[in-house]
Amino acid sequence: MRLHKRLVNRGAFGTPAFVAALLLVAWPGPSRAQTASNRRDAERRADMEARQRALRSLSGLNERPARKEPDTRPSYQQVAEDFEQLQLRNYQLSVAAAESETPLDYDLVGGEAAEVRRRASRLKSALALPAVKGDQKQKKGEEPPTPEGVRAAAASLDALVKSFVWNPVFRRPDVLDAENSAKAARDLEDILRLSEQVRKAAEALGKKKGSQ
């Protein structure tokens, strides 16, 4: 089976914008030595061009026939934006929920968690990742939410998002990797679950605080 059938929903990727989003956290900073910096810049440009060619070929962009019915698939720009915003909003959530002497801003935490879930849900619809089977976590008796619990859940969510965006399937489009594709699917499911947990806990704590 061709790789794009696993990773791309009928050609949802293939533009420089998406490649740039995938490489958002993958490139190291510039060197002090100017010549070394120029050499790395040239290598980065060559690497980006190679990825673009691979993605275009794998997604069949050059062979896609004209569609008579309206195309409801997300645009390349939309998918790239969701991938980038998933990282940015997760970062803002992790900062808002970081350990500090300042009380949690429950409205901010809940809003960022909701946005993380929204972006993850859109990516799940756009990406043709394997179905997650048999490893869904069983629901336990719900415990009353606490600020410490919200902070811990936000930290776990941060680790999941980083694991998802750093998955090799998004950096090696020319390699068929069933194992990492399955891991990306599991991470995305856990992101959806945990972000909703953080949102609900923040909402409950916010209401409790407001009633006091």
N, C-alpha and C. Protein backbone atom coordinates (compact mmCIF):
# COMPACT_ATOMS: atom_id res chain seq x y z
N MET A 1 0.86 -1.19 0.00
CA MET A 1 0.00 0.00 0.00
C MET A 1 0.89 1.23 0.00
N ARG A 2 0.57 2.19 -0.83
CA ARG A 2 1.39 3.39 -0.90
C ARG A 2 1.27 4.18 0.39
N LEU A 3 2.36 4.89 0.71
CA LEU A 3 2.43 5.60 1.98
C LEU A 3 1.33 6.62 2.16
N HIS A 4 0.95 7.32 1.08
CA HIS A 4 -0.04 8.39 1.28
C HIS A 4 -1.38 7.83 1.68
N LYS A 5 -1.67 6.56 1.40
CA LYS A 5 -2.93 5.98 1.85
C LYS A 5 -2.94 5.81 3.35
N ARG A 6 -1.75 5.76 3.96
CA ARG A 6 -1.68 5.65 5.42
C ARG A 6 -1.64 7.02 6.08
N LEU A 7 -0.91 7.94 5.47
CA LEU A 7 -0.64 9.20 6.16
C LEU A 7 -1.47 10.36 5.64
N VAL A 8 -1.90 10.32 4.41
CA VAL A 8 -2.57 11.47 3.82
C VAL A 8 -3.92 11.06 3.30
N ASN A 9 -4.92 11.81 3.66
CA ASN A 9 -6.28 11.51 3.23
C ASN A 9 -6.48 12.03 1.83
N ARG A 10 -6.17 11.16 0.85
CA ARG A 10 -6.37 11.47 -0.56
C ARG A 10 -5.67 12.75 -0.95
N GLY A 11 -4.42 12.86 -0.58
CA GLY A 11 -3.63 14.00 -1.03
C GLY A 11 -3.79 15.23 -0.19
N ALA A 12 -3.92 15.08 1.11
CA ALA A 12 -4.11 16.25 1.98
C ALA A 12 -2.84 17.01 2.22
N PHE A 13 -1.67 16.47 1.80
CA PHE A 13 -0.41 17.14 2.04
C PHE A 13 0.31 17.36 0.71
N GLY A 14 1.41 18.07 0.80
CA GLY A 14 2.24 18.20 -0.37
C GLY A 14 2.69 19.60 -0.67
N THR A 15 2.39 20.56 0.14
CA THR A 15 2.79 21.93 -0.15
C THR A 15 3.94 22.36 0.72
N PRO A 16 4.65 23.40 0.32
CA PRO A 16 5.73 23.93 1.17
C PRO A 16 5.24 24.34 2.54
N ALA A 17 4.00 24.82 2.64
CA ALA A 17 3.49 25.26 3.95
C ALA A 17 3.43 24.09 4.91
N PHE A 18 2.97 22.92 4.43
CA PHE A 18 2.87 21.78 5.32
C PHE A 18 4.25 21.25 5.69
N VAL A 19 5.13 21.22 4.69
CA VAL A 19 6.48 20.76 4.98
C VAL A 19 7.14 21.65 6.01
N ALA A 20 6.92 22.96 5.87
CA ALA A 20 7.48 23.89 6.85
C ALA A 20 6.91 23.65 8.23
N ALA A 21 5.61 23.30 8.30
CA ALA A 21 4.99 23.01 9.60
C ALA A 21 5.59 21.77 10.22
N LEU A 22 5.83 20.74 9.38
CA LEU A 22 6.41 19.52 9.90
C LEU A 22 7.82 19.75 10.43
N LEU A 23 8.54 20.69 9.80
CA LEU A 23 9.92 20.94 10.18
C LEU A 23 10.04 22.04 11.21
N LEU A 24 8.90 22.45 11.80
CA LEU A 24 8.90 23.58 12.73
C LEU A 24 9.85 23.35 13.89
N VAL A 25 9.89 22.11 14.39
CA VAL A 25 10.73 21.83 15.55
C VAL A 25 11.91 20.95 15.20
N ALA A 26 12.17 20.75 13.91
CA ALA A 26 13.16 19.75 13.53
C ALA A 26 14.52 20.32 13.16
N TRP A 27 14.66 21.64 12.99
CA TRP A 27 15.91 22.21 12.54
C TRP A 27 16.67 22.84 13.69
N PRO A 28 17.97 22.62 13.75
CA PRO A 28 18.78 23.24 14.81
C PRO A 28 19.04 24.69 14.52
N GLY A 29 19.50 25.42 15.51
CA GLY A 29 19.80 26.83 15.37
C GLY A 29 21.06 27.06 14.57
N PRO A 30 21.32 28.32 14.13
CA PRO A 30 22.48 28.64 13.31
C PRO A 30 23.78 28.55 14.10
N SER A 31 24.86 28.27 13.41
CA SER A 31 26.18 28.19 14.03
C SER A 31 26.83 29.55 14.04
N ARG A 32 27.84 29.69 14.90
CA ARG A 32 28.57 30.94 14.92
C ARG A 32 29.42 31.10 13.67
N ALA A 33 29.93 30.01 13.15
CA ALA A 33 30.76 30.06 11.96
C ALA A 33 29.88 30.29 10.74
N GLN A 34 30.16 31.37 9.99
CA GLN A 34 29.31 31.74 8.87
C GLN A 34 29.31 30.67 7.79
N THR A 35 30.48 30.11 7.48
CA THR A 35 30.56 29.11 6.42
C THR A 35 29.77 27.87 6.78
N ALA A 36 29.86 27.44 8.03
CA ALA A 36 29.11 26.27 8.47
C ALA A 36 27.62 26.55 8.41
N SER A 37 27.23 27.78 8.77
CA SER A 37 25.82 28.15 8.72
C SER A 37 25.30 28.12 7.29
N ASN A 38 26.08 28.66 6.35
CA ASN A 38 25.65 28.67 4.95
C ASN A 38 25.52 27.24 4.42
N ARG A 39 26.46 26.37 4.82
CA ARG A 39 26.40 24.99 4.37
C ARG A 39 25.15 24.29 4.90
N ARG A 40 24.83 24.52 6.17
CA ARG A 40 23.63 23.91 6.73
C ARG A 40 22.37 24.46 6.06
N ASP A 41 22.36 25.77 5.76
CA ASP A 41 21.20 26.35 5.09
C ASP A 41 20.98 25.69 3.73
N ALA A 42 22.07 25.44 3.01
CA ALA A 42 21.95 24.79 1.71
C ALA A 42 21.43 23.38 1.86
N GLU A 43 21.90 22.67 2.89
CA GLU A 43 21.42 21.31 3.13
C GLU A 43 19.95 21.30 3.50
N ARG A 44 19.52 22.30 4.28
CA ARG A 44 18.12 22.38 4.68
C ARG A 44 17.22 22.63 3.47
N ARG A 45 17.67 23.53 2.59
CA ARG A 45 16.87 23.82 1.40
C ARG A 45 16.76 22.57 0.52
N ALA A 46 17.88 21.86 0.37
CA ALA A 46 17.86 20.64 -0.44
C ALA A 46 16.95 19.59 0.19
N ASP A 47 17.00 19.48 1.52
CA ASP A 47 16.16 18.51 2.22
C ASP A 47 14.69 18.87 2.06
N MET A 48 14.35 20.16 2.17
CA MET A 48 12.96 20.58 2.01
C MET A 48 12.47 20.28 0.60
N GLU A 49 13.29 20.57 -0.40
CA GLU A 49 12.88 20.32 -1.78
C GLU A 49 12.66 18.83 -2.01
N ALA A 50 13.53 18.00 -1.41
CA ALA A 50 13.36 16.56 -1.57
C ALA A 50 12.07 16.09 -0.93
N ARG A 51 11.74 16.62 0.24
CA ARG A 51 10.50 16.24 0.92
C ARG A 51 9.29 16.67 0.12
N GLN A 52 9.38 17.87 -0.46
CA GLN A 52 8.27 18.35 -1.27
C GLN A 52 8.02 17.45 -2.46
N ARG A 53 9.12 17.05 -3.14
CA ARG A 53 8.97 16.16 -4.30
C ARG A 53 8.38 14.82 -3.89
N ALA A 54 8.85 14.29 -2.74
CA ALA A 54 8.34 13.00 -2.28
C ALA A 54 6.86 13.09 -1.94
N LEU A 55 6.47 14.15 -1.22
CA LEU A 55 5.07 14.30 -0.83
C LEU A 55 4.17 14.48 -2.03
N ARG A 56 4.64 15.26 -3.01
CA ARG A 56 3.83 15.48 -4.21
C ARG A 56 3.64 14.17 -4.97
N SER A 57 4.71 13.39 -5.07
CA SER A 57 4.64 12.13 -5.79
C SER A 57 3.75 11.14 -5.07
N LEU A 58 3.92 11.05 -3.74
CA LEU A 58 3.17 10.07 -2.97
C LEU A 58 1.70 10.41 -2.87
N SER A 59 1.38 11.69 -2.90
CA SER A 59 -0.02 12.09 -2.77
C SER A 59 -0.73 12.13 -4.11
N GLY A 60 0.00 11.92 -5.22
CA GLY A 60 -0.63 11.88 -6.53
C GLY A 60 -1.12 13.22 -7.01
N LEU A 61 -0.49 14.30 -6.53
CA LEU A 61 -0.96 15.64 -6.91
C LEU A 61 -0.85 15.86 -8.41
N ASN A 62 0.18 15.27 -9.02
CA ASN A 62 0.39 15.51 -10.45
C ASN A 62 -0.50 14.66 -11.33
N GLU A 63 -1.19 13.69 -10.71
CA GLU A 63 -2.03 12.79 -11.50
C GLU A 63 -3.49 12.87 -11.11
N ARG A 64 -3.81 13.75 -10.16
CA ARG A 64 -5.19 13.79 -9.67
C ARG A 64 -6.13 14.34 -10.74
N PRO A 65 -7.16 13.59 -11.10
CA PRO A 65 -8.10 14.06 -12.12
C PRO A 65 -8.99 15.16 -11.57
N ALA A 66 -9.56 15.92 -12.48
CA ALA A 66 -10.48 16.99 -12.07
C ALA A 66 -11.71 16.38 -11.43
N ARG A 67 -12.21 17.03 -10.38
CA ARG A 67 -13.38 16.54 -9.65
C ARG A 67 -14.60 17.37 -10.05
N LYS A 68 -15.68 16.68 -10.37
CA LYS A 68 -16.89 17.38 -10.75
C LYS A 68 -17.65 17.87 -9.52
N GLU A 69 -17.69 17.02 -8.48
CA GLU A 69 -18.41 17.41 -7.27
C GLU A 69 -17.51 18.30 -6.42
N PRO A 70 -18.09 19.10 -5.50
CA PRO A 70 -17.29 19.96 -4.63
C PRO A 70 -16.31 19.14 -3.79
N ASP A 71 -15.09 19.63 -3.69
CA ASP A 71 -14.06 18.95 -2.90
C ASP A 71 -14.14 19.46 -1.47
N THR A 72 -14.55 18.58 -0.55
CA THR A 72 -14.73 18.99 0.85
C THR A 72 -13.51 18.67 1.70
N ARG A 73 -12.45 18.16 1.09
CA ARG A 73 -11.25 17.86 1.85
C ARG A 73 -10.60 19.15 2.34
N PRO A 74 -9.90 19.11 3.49
CA PRO A 74 -9.22 20.31 3.96
C PRO A 74 -8.10 20.69 3.01
N SER A 75 -7.87 21.97 2.86
CA SER A 75 -6.79 22.44 2.01
C SER A 75 -5.45 22.17 2.66
N TYR A 76 -4.41 22.24 1.87
CA TYR A 76 -3.07 22.05 2.40
C TYR A 76 -2.77 23.08 3.49
N GLN A 77 -3.19 24.32 3.25
CA GLN A 77 -2.94 25.38 4.21
C GLN A 77 -3.65 25.11 5.54
N GLN A 78 -4.87 24.57 5.46
CA GLN A 78 -5.62 24.27 6.67
C GLN A 78 -4.94 23.18 7.50
N VAL A 79 -4.48 22.14 6.83
CA VAL A 79 -3.81 21.05 7.54
C VAL A 79 -2.51 21.53 8.16
N ALA A 80 -1.74 22.32 7.40
CA ALA A 80 -0.49 22.86 7.93
C ALA A 80 -0.75 23.76 9.14
N GLU A 81 -1.80 24.57 9.07
CA GLU A 81 -2.13 25.45 10.18
C GLU A 81 -2.54 24.65 11.42
N ASP A 82 -3.34 23.59 11.22
CA ASP A 82 -3.74 22.77 12.36
C ASP A 82 -2.54 22.11 13.01
N PHE A 83 -1.61 21.63 12.21
CA PHE A 83 -0.41 20.98 12.74
C PHE A 83 0.42 21.97 13.55
N GLU A 84 0.55 23.19 13.04
CA GLU A 84 1.33 24.20 13.75
C GLU A 84 0.60 24.70 14.99
N GLN A 85 -0.70 24.95 14.86
CA GLN A 85 -1.46 25.47 16.00
C GLN A 85 -1.59 24.44 17.12
N LEU A 86 -1.60 23.16 16.77
CA LEU A 86 -1.61 22.13 17.81
C LEU A 86 -0.40 22.31 18.72
N GLN A 87 0.74 22.58 18.13
CA GLN A 87 1.96 22.77 18.91
C GLN A 87 1.94 24.08 19.69
N LEU A 88 1.50 25.14 19.05
CA LEU A 88 1.51 26.45 19.70
C LEU A 88 0.53 26.51 20.87
N ARG A 89 -0.69 26.00 20.66
CA ARG A 89 -1.67 26.06 21.73
C ARG A 89 -1.31 25.12 22.87
N ASN A 90 -0.69 23.98 22.55
CA ASN A 90 -0.21 23.09 23.59
C ASN A 90 0.88 23.78 24.41
N TYR A 91 1.75 24.52 23.74
CA TYR A 91 2.81 25.24 24.46
C TYR A 91 2.20 26.28 25.40
N GLN A 92 1.21 27.02 24.91
CA GLN A 92 0.57 28.03 25.74
C GLN A 92 -0.14 27.39 26.93
N LEU A 93 -0.72 26.21 26.71
CA LEU A 93 -1.37 25.49 27.81
C LEU A 93 -0.34 25.05 28.84
N SER A 94 0.78 24.52 28.39
CA SER A 94 1.80 24.05 29.32
C SER A 94 2.38 25.20 30.14
N VAL A 95 2.50 26.38 29.53
CA VAL A 95 2.98 27.56 30.27
C VAL A 95 1.93 27.99 31.30
N ALA A 96 0.67 28.01 30.88
CA ALA A 96 -0.41 28.44 31.78
C ALA A 96 -0.57 27.49 32.97
N ALA A 97 -0.25 26.21 32.77
CA ALA A 97 -0.44 25.22 33.82
C ALA A 97 0.86 24.86 34.53
N ALA A 98 1.93 25.57 34.24
CA ALA A 98 3.22 25.25 34.84
C ALA A 98 3.19 25.52 36.34
N GLU A 99 4.03 24.80 37.06
CA GLU A 99 4.11 25.00 38.51
C GLU A 99 4.59 26.42 38.81
N SER A 100 3.84 27.12 39.64
CA SER A 100 4.22 28.47 40.03
C SER A 100 3.42 28.85 41.26
N GLU A 101 3.76 30.00 41.80
CA GLU A 101 3.03 30.48 42.97
C GLU A 101 1.73 31.15 42.57
N THR A 102 1.56 31.40 41.28
CA THR A 102 0.34 32.05 40.80
C THR A 102 -0.78 31.02 40.63
N PRO A 103 -1.97 31.29 41.14
CA PRO A 103 -3.09 30.35 40.96
C PRO A 103 -3.41 30.15 39.48
N LEU A 104 -3.95 29.01 39.16
CA LEU A 104 -4.31 28.70 37.78
C LEU A 104 -5.41 29.63 37.27
N ASP A 105 -5.24 30.07 36.04
CA ASP A 105 -6.29 30.80 35.34
C ASP A 105 -7.14 29.74 34.63
N TYR A 106 -8.25 29.35 35.23
CA TYR A 106 -9.02 28.23 34.71
C TYR A 106 -9.65 28.53 33.35
N ASP A 107 -10.03 29.77 33.12
CA ASP A 107 -10.58 30.13 31.82
C ASP A 107 -9.52 29.96 30.73
N LEU A 108 -8.29 30.41 31.02
CA LEU A 108 -7.21 30.30 30.05
C LEU A 108 -6.85 28.84 29.80
N VAL A 109 -6.69 28.07 30.88
CA VAL A 109 -6.33 26.66 30.75
C VAL A 109 -7.41 25.90 29.99
N GLY A 110 -8.67 26.12 30.36
CA GLY A 110 -9.75 25.43 29.67
C GLY A 110 -9.85 25.80 28.21
N GLY A 111 -9.63 27.08 27.90
CA GLY A 111 -9.70 27.53 26.51
C GLY A 111 -8.59 26.94 25.65
N GLU A 112 -7.37 26.90 26.20
CA GLU A 112 -6.26 26.33 25.45
C GLU A 112 -6.43 24.83 25.26
N ALA A 113 -6.91 24.14 26.29
CA ALA A 113 -7.14 22.70 26.17
C ALA A 113 -8.20 22.41 25.11
N ALA A 114 -9.24 23.22 25.07
CA ALA A 114 -10.29 23.04 24.06
C ALA A 114 -9.74 23.25 22.66
N GLU A 115 -8.84 24.21 22.51
CA GLU A 115 -8.25 24.48 21.19
C GLU A 115 -7.30 23.36 20.77
N VAL A 116 -6.56 22.82 21.72
CA VAL A 116 -5.70 21.66 21.42
C VAL A 116 -6.56 20.51 20.91
N ARG A 117 -7.68 20.26 21.58
CA ARG A 117 -8.55 19.17 21.16
C ARG A 117 -9.16 19.44 19.79
N ARG A 118 -9.52 20.67 19.52
CA ARG A 118 -10.12 21.01 18.23
C ARG A 118 -9.14 20.77 17.09
N ARG A 119 -7.90 21.19 17.29
CA ARG A 119 -6.88 21.00 16.25
C ARG A 119 -6.57 19.52 16.07
N ALA A 120 -6.50 18.78 17.17
CA ALA A 120 -6.23 17.35 17.08
C ALA A 120 -7.36 16.62 16.36
N SER A 121 -8.59 17.03 16.63
CA SER A 121 -9.74 16.40 15.97
C SER A 121 -9.72 16.64 14.47
N ARG A 122 -9.35 17.86 14.05
CA ARG A 122 -9.28 18.17 12.63
C ARG A 122 -8.17 17.36 11.95
N LEU A 123 -7.04 17.20 12.65
CA LEU A 123 -5.95 16.41 12.09
C LEU A 123 -6.36 14.93 11.97
N LYS A 124 -7.11 14.44 12.94
CA LYS A 124 -7.57 13.06 12.87
C LYS A 124 -8.43 12.84 11.63
N SER A 125 -9.24 13.84 11.28
CA SER A 125 -10.10 13.73 10.10
C SER A 125 -9.29 13.81 8.81
N ALA A 126 -8.20 14.58 8.84
CA ALA A 126 -7.40 14.78 7.62
C ALA A 126 -6.39 13.67 7.39
N LEU A 127 -5.87 13.10 8.48
CA LEU A 127 -4.84 12.07 8.37
C LEU A 127 -5.46 10.69 8.31
N ALA A 128 -5.00 9.88 7.39
CA ALA A 128 -5.49 8.51 7.28
C ALA A 128 -4.60 7.59 8.10
N LEU A 129 -4.62 7.78 9.41
CA LEU A 129 -3.83 6.95 10.31
C LEU A 129 -4.57 5.66 10.62
N PRO A 130 -3.84 4.62 11.03
CA PRO A 130 -4.50 3.34 11.35
C PRO A 130 -5.50 3.51 12.50
N ALA A 131 -6.53 2.69 12.48
CA ALA A 131 -7.51 2.71 13.56
C ALA A 131 -6.87 2.17 14.83
N VAL A 132 -7.21 2.78 15.96
CA VAL A 132 -6.70 2.33 17.25
C VAL A 132 -7.60 1.22 17.77
N LYS A 133 -7.02 0.05 18.02
CA LYS A 133 -7.81 -1.10 18.42
C LYS A 133 -7.30 -1.68 19.73
N GLY A 134 -8.22 -1.98 20.61
CA GLY A 134 -7.92 -2.79 21.77
C GLY A 134 -7.07 -2.17 22.85
N ASP A 135 -6.70 -0.87 22.72
CA ASP A 135 -5.87 -0.29 23.76
C ASP A 135 -6.49 0.97 24.35
N GLN A 136 -7.78 1.11 24.18
CA GLN A 136 -8.45 2.24 24.80
C GLN A 136 -8.45 2.08 26.32
N LYS A 137 -8.09 3.12 27.01
CA LYS A 137 -8.00 3.04 28.47
C LYS A 137 -9.40 2.99 29.08
N GLN A 138 -9.55 2.10 30.02
CA GLN A 138 -10.84 1.97 30.69
C GLN A 138 -11.08 3.16 31.60
N LYS A 139 -12.32 3.61 31.61
CA LYS A 139 -12.67 4.74 32.46
C LYS A 139 -12.75 4.29 33.92
N LYS A 140 -12.14 5.05 34.78
CA LYS A 140 -12.20 4.77 36.21
C LYS A 140 -13.19 5.72 36.86
N GLY A 141 -13.48 5.45 38.10
CA GLY A 141 -14.37 6.35 38.82
C GLY A 141 -13.79 7.75 38.84
N GLU A 142 -14.56 8.73 38.42
CA GLU A 142 -14.05 10.08 38.33
C GLU A 142 -13.81 10.66 39.72
N GLU A 143 -12.64 11.22 39.89
CA GLU A 143 -12.29 11.86 41.15
C GLU A 143 -12.50 13.36 41.01
N PRO A 144 -12.78 14.04 42.12
CA PRO A 144 -12.96 15.49 42.06
C PRO A 144 -11.69 16.15 41.51
N PRO A 145 -11.83 17.07 40.55
CA PRO A 145 -10.64 17.71 39.98
C PRO A 145 -9.94 18.61 41.00
N THR A 146 -8.64 18.68 40.88
CA THR A 146 -7.83 19.53 41.75
C THR A 146 -6.85 20.32 40.88
N PRO A 147 -6.35 21.45 41.37
CA PRO A 147 -5.34 22.20 40.61
C PRO A 147 -4.12 21.36 40.30
N GLU A 148 -3.70 20.54 41.27
CA GLU A 148 -2.54 19.69 41.05
C GLU A 148 -2.81 18.67 39.95
N GLY A 149 -4.03 18.15 39.93
CA GLY A 149 -4.40 17.20 38.89
C GLY A 149 -4.41 17.83 37.51
N VAL A 150 -4.87 19.08 37.43
CA VAL A 150 -4.87 19.79 36.16
C VAL A 150 -3.45 20.01 35.67
N ARG A 151 -2.56 20.41 36.58
CA ARG A 151 -1.17 20.63 36.19
C ARG A 151 -0.52 19.34 35.70
N ALA A 152 -0.79 18.24 36.41
CA ALA A 152 -0.20 16.96 36.02
C ALA A 152 -0.74 16.49 34.66
N ALA A 153 -2.04 16.66 34.44
CA ALA A 153 -2.64 16.26 33.17
C ALA A 153 -2.12 17.10 32.02
N ALA A 154 -1.92 18.40 32.27
CA ALA A 154 -1.39 19.29 31.23
C ALA A 154 0.04 18.90 30.88
N ALA A 155 0.83 18.48 31.87
CA ALA A 155 2.20 18.05 31.61
C ALA A 155 2.21 16.76 30.77
N SER A 156 1.30 15.84 31.08
CA SER A 156 1.20 14.61 30.30
C SER A 156 0.75 14.90 28.87
N LEU A 157 -0.17 15.85 28.72
CA LEU A 157 -0.64 16.24 27.40
C LEU A 157 0.50 16.85 26.58
N ASP A 158 1.32 17.66 27.23
CA ASP A 158 2.46 18.27 26.55
C ASP A 158 3.39 17.19 26.00
N ALA A 159 3.66 16.15 26.79
CA ALA A 159 4.52 15.06 26.34
C ALA A 159 3.90 14.32 25.15
N LEU A 160 2.59 14.14 25.17
CA LEU A 160 1.91 13.44 24.08
C LEU A 160 1.98 14.23 22.77
N VAL A 161 1.75 15.53 22.86
CA VAL A 161 1.80 16.36 21.65
C VAL A 161 3.20 16.34 21.05
N LYS A 162 4.22 16.44 21.91
CA LYS A 162 5.59 16.40 21.41
C LYS A 162 5.90 15.06 20.76
N SER A 163 5.43 13.97 21.37
CA SER A 163 5.63 12.64 20.79
C SER A 163 4.96 12.54 19.42
N PHE A 164 3.76 13.12 19.30
CA PHE A 164 3.03 13.06 18.05
C PHE A 164 3.73 13.83 16.94
N VAL A 165 4.09 15.09 17.20
CA VAL A 165 4.66 15.92 16.13
C VAL A 165 6.08 15.50 15.76
N TRP A 166 6.79 14.82 16.68
CA TRP A 166 8.14 14.36 16.38
C TRP A 166 8.14 12.96 15.78
N ASN A 167 6.99 12.38 15.58
CA ASN A 167 6.94 11.03 15.03
C ASN A 167 7.64 10.98 13.67
N PRO A 168 8.48 9.97 13.43
CA PRO A 168 9.20 9.88 12.16
C PRO A 168 8.32 9.85 10.91
N VAL A 169 7.06 9.45 11.04
CA VAL A 169 6.22 9.40 9.84
C VAL A 169 6.00 10.78 9.25
N PHE A 170 6.17 11.85 10.04
CA PHE A 170 6.00 13.19 9.53
C PHE A 170 7.31 13.80 9.03
N ARG A 171 8.41 13.08 9.25
CA ARG A 171 9.70 13.57 8.78
C ARG A 171 10.30 12.67 7.71
N ARG A 172 9.73 11.49 7.52
CA ARG A 172 10.23 10.56 6.51
C ARG A 172 9.08 10.13 5.61
N PRO A 173 8.57 11.04 4.77
CA PRO A 173 7.40 10.70 3.95
C PRO A 173 7.67 9.62 2.92
N ASP A 174 8.94 9.32 2.65
CA ASP A 174 9.28 8.31 1.64
C ASP A 174 9.45 6.92 2.23
N VAL A 175 9.21 6.78 3.54
CA VAL A 175 9.41 5.49 4.20
C VAL A 175 8.09 4.99 4.76
N LEU A 176 7.74 3.75 4.40
CA LEU A 176 6.52 3.13 4.92
C LEU A 176 6.82 2.57 6.31
N ASP A 177 6.16 3.09 7.33
CA ASP A 177 6.47 2.71 8.71
C ASP A 177 5.17 2.45 9.45
N ALA A 178 4.73 1.19 9.43
CA ALA A 178 3.45 0.84 10.05
C ALA A 178 3.49 1.04 11.55
N GLU A 179 4.62 0.72 12.18
CA GLU A 179 4.72 0.82 13.63
C GLU A 179 4.58 2.26 14.11
N ASN A 180 5.31 3.18 13.47
CA ASN A 180 5.22 4.58 13.88
C ASN A 180 3.90 5.21 13.46
N SER A 181 3.30 4.73 12.38
CA SER A 181 1.98 5.22 11.99
C SER A 181 0.96 4.86 13.08
N ALA A 182 1.04 3.63 13.59
CA ALA A 182 0.14 3.20 14.66
C ALA A 182 0.38 4.01 15.92
N LYS A 183 1.65 4.31 16.22
CA LYS A 183 1.96 5.11 17.40
C LYS A 183 1.39 6.52 17.27
N ALA A 184 1.50 7.10 16.08
CA ALA A 184 0.93 8.43 15.86
C ALA A 184 -0.57 8.42 16.09
N ALA A 185 -1.23 7.36 15.65
CA ALA A 185 -2.68 7.23 15.85
C ALA A 185 -3.02 7.15 17.33
N ARG A 186 -2.25 6.35 18.08
CA ARG A 186 -2.51 6.22 19.52
C ARG A 186 -2.26 7.53 20.25
N ASP A 187 -1.17 8.21 19.88
CA ASP A 187 -0.87 9.51 20.51
C ASP A 187 -2.00 10.50 20.25
N LEU A 188 -2.51 10.51 19.04
CA LEU A 188 -3.57 11.46 18.70
C LEU A 188 -4.84 11.16 19.48
N GLU A 189 -5.17 9.89 19.63
CA GLU A 189 -6.34 9.52 20.43
C GLU A 189 -6.16 9.95 21.88
N ASP A 190 -4.97 9.75 22.43
CA ASP A 190 -4.71 10.15 23.81
C ASP A 190 -4.72 11.66 23.98
N ILE A 191 -4.28 12.37 22.95
CA ILE A 191 -4.35 13.84 22.98
C ILE A 191 -5.80 14.30 23.06
N LEU A 192 -6.65 13.69 22.27
CA LEU A 192 -8.08 14.03 22.29
C LEU A 192 -8.68 13.75 23.66
N ARG A 193 -8.35 12.61 24.21
CA ARG A 193 -8.92 12.22 25.51
C ARG A 193 -8.42 13.13 26.63
N LEU A 194 -7.12 13.36 26.68
CA LEU A 194 -6.54 14.10 27.79
C LEU A 194 -6.84 15.59 27.72
N SER A 195 -6.89 16.15 26.52
CA SER A 195 -7.22 17.56 26.40
C SER A 195 -8.65 17.83 26.86
N GLU A 196 -9.55 16.90 26.58
CA GLU A 196 -10.93 17.05 27.05
C GLU A 196 -10.99 16.92 28.57
N GLN A 197 -10.17 16.04 29.12
CA GLN A 197 -10.11 15.89 30.57
C GLN A 197 -9.64 17.18 31.23
N VAL A 198 -8.61 17.80 30.67
CA VAL A 198 -8.11 19.07 31.22
C VAL A 198 -9.17 20.16 31.10
N ARG A 199 -9.83 20.21 29.96
CA ARG A 199 -10.87 21.24 29.76
C ARG A 199 -11.98 21.11 30.78
N LYS A 200 -12.47 19.88 30.98
CA LYS A 200 -13.57 19.67 31.92
C LYS A 200 -13.16 19.98 33.34
N ALA A 201 -11.93 19.58 33.71
CA ALA A 201 -11.46 19.83 35.07
C ALA A 201 -11.31 21.33 35.32
N ALA A 202 -10.77 22.04 34.35
CA ALA A 202 -10.60 23.48 34.50
C ALA A 202 -11.96 24.19 34.60
N GLU A 203 -12.91 23.73 33.81
CA GLU A 203 -14.25 24.31 33.85
C GLU A 203 -14.90 24.09 35.22
N ALA A 204 -14.78 22.86 35.75
CA ALA A 204 -15.37 22.55 37.04
C ALA A 204 -14.73 23.36 38.16
N LEU A 205 -13.40 23.48 38.13
CA LEU A 205 -12.70 24.23 39.16
C LEU A 205 -13.01 25.72 39.06
N GLY A 206 -13.18 26.21 37.84
CA GLY A 206 -13.53 27.60 37.66
C GLY A 206 -14.89 27.93 38.22
N LYS A 207 -15.86 27.03 38.01
CA LYS A 207 -17.21 27.22 38.54
C LYS A 207 -17.18 27.16 40.07
N LYS A 208 -16.41 26.24 40.60
CA LYS A 208 -16.31 26.10 42.05
C LYS A 208 -15.71 27.36 42.68
N LYS A 209 -14.69 27.88 42.03
CA LYS A 209 -14.05 29.09 42.54
C LYS A 209 -15.00 30.28 42.48
N GLY A 210 -15.79 30.34 41.40
CA GLY A 210 -16.72 31.45 41.25
C GLY A 210 -17.87 31.43 42.25
N SER A 211 -18.19 30.23 42.75
CA SER A 211 -19.30 30.12 43.70
C SER A 211 -18.88 30.34 45.14
N GLN A 212 -17.59 30.44 45.37
CA GLN A 212 -17.11 30.63 46.73
C GLN A 212 -17.17 32.08 47.17
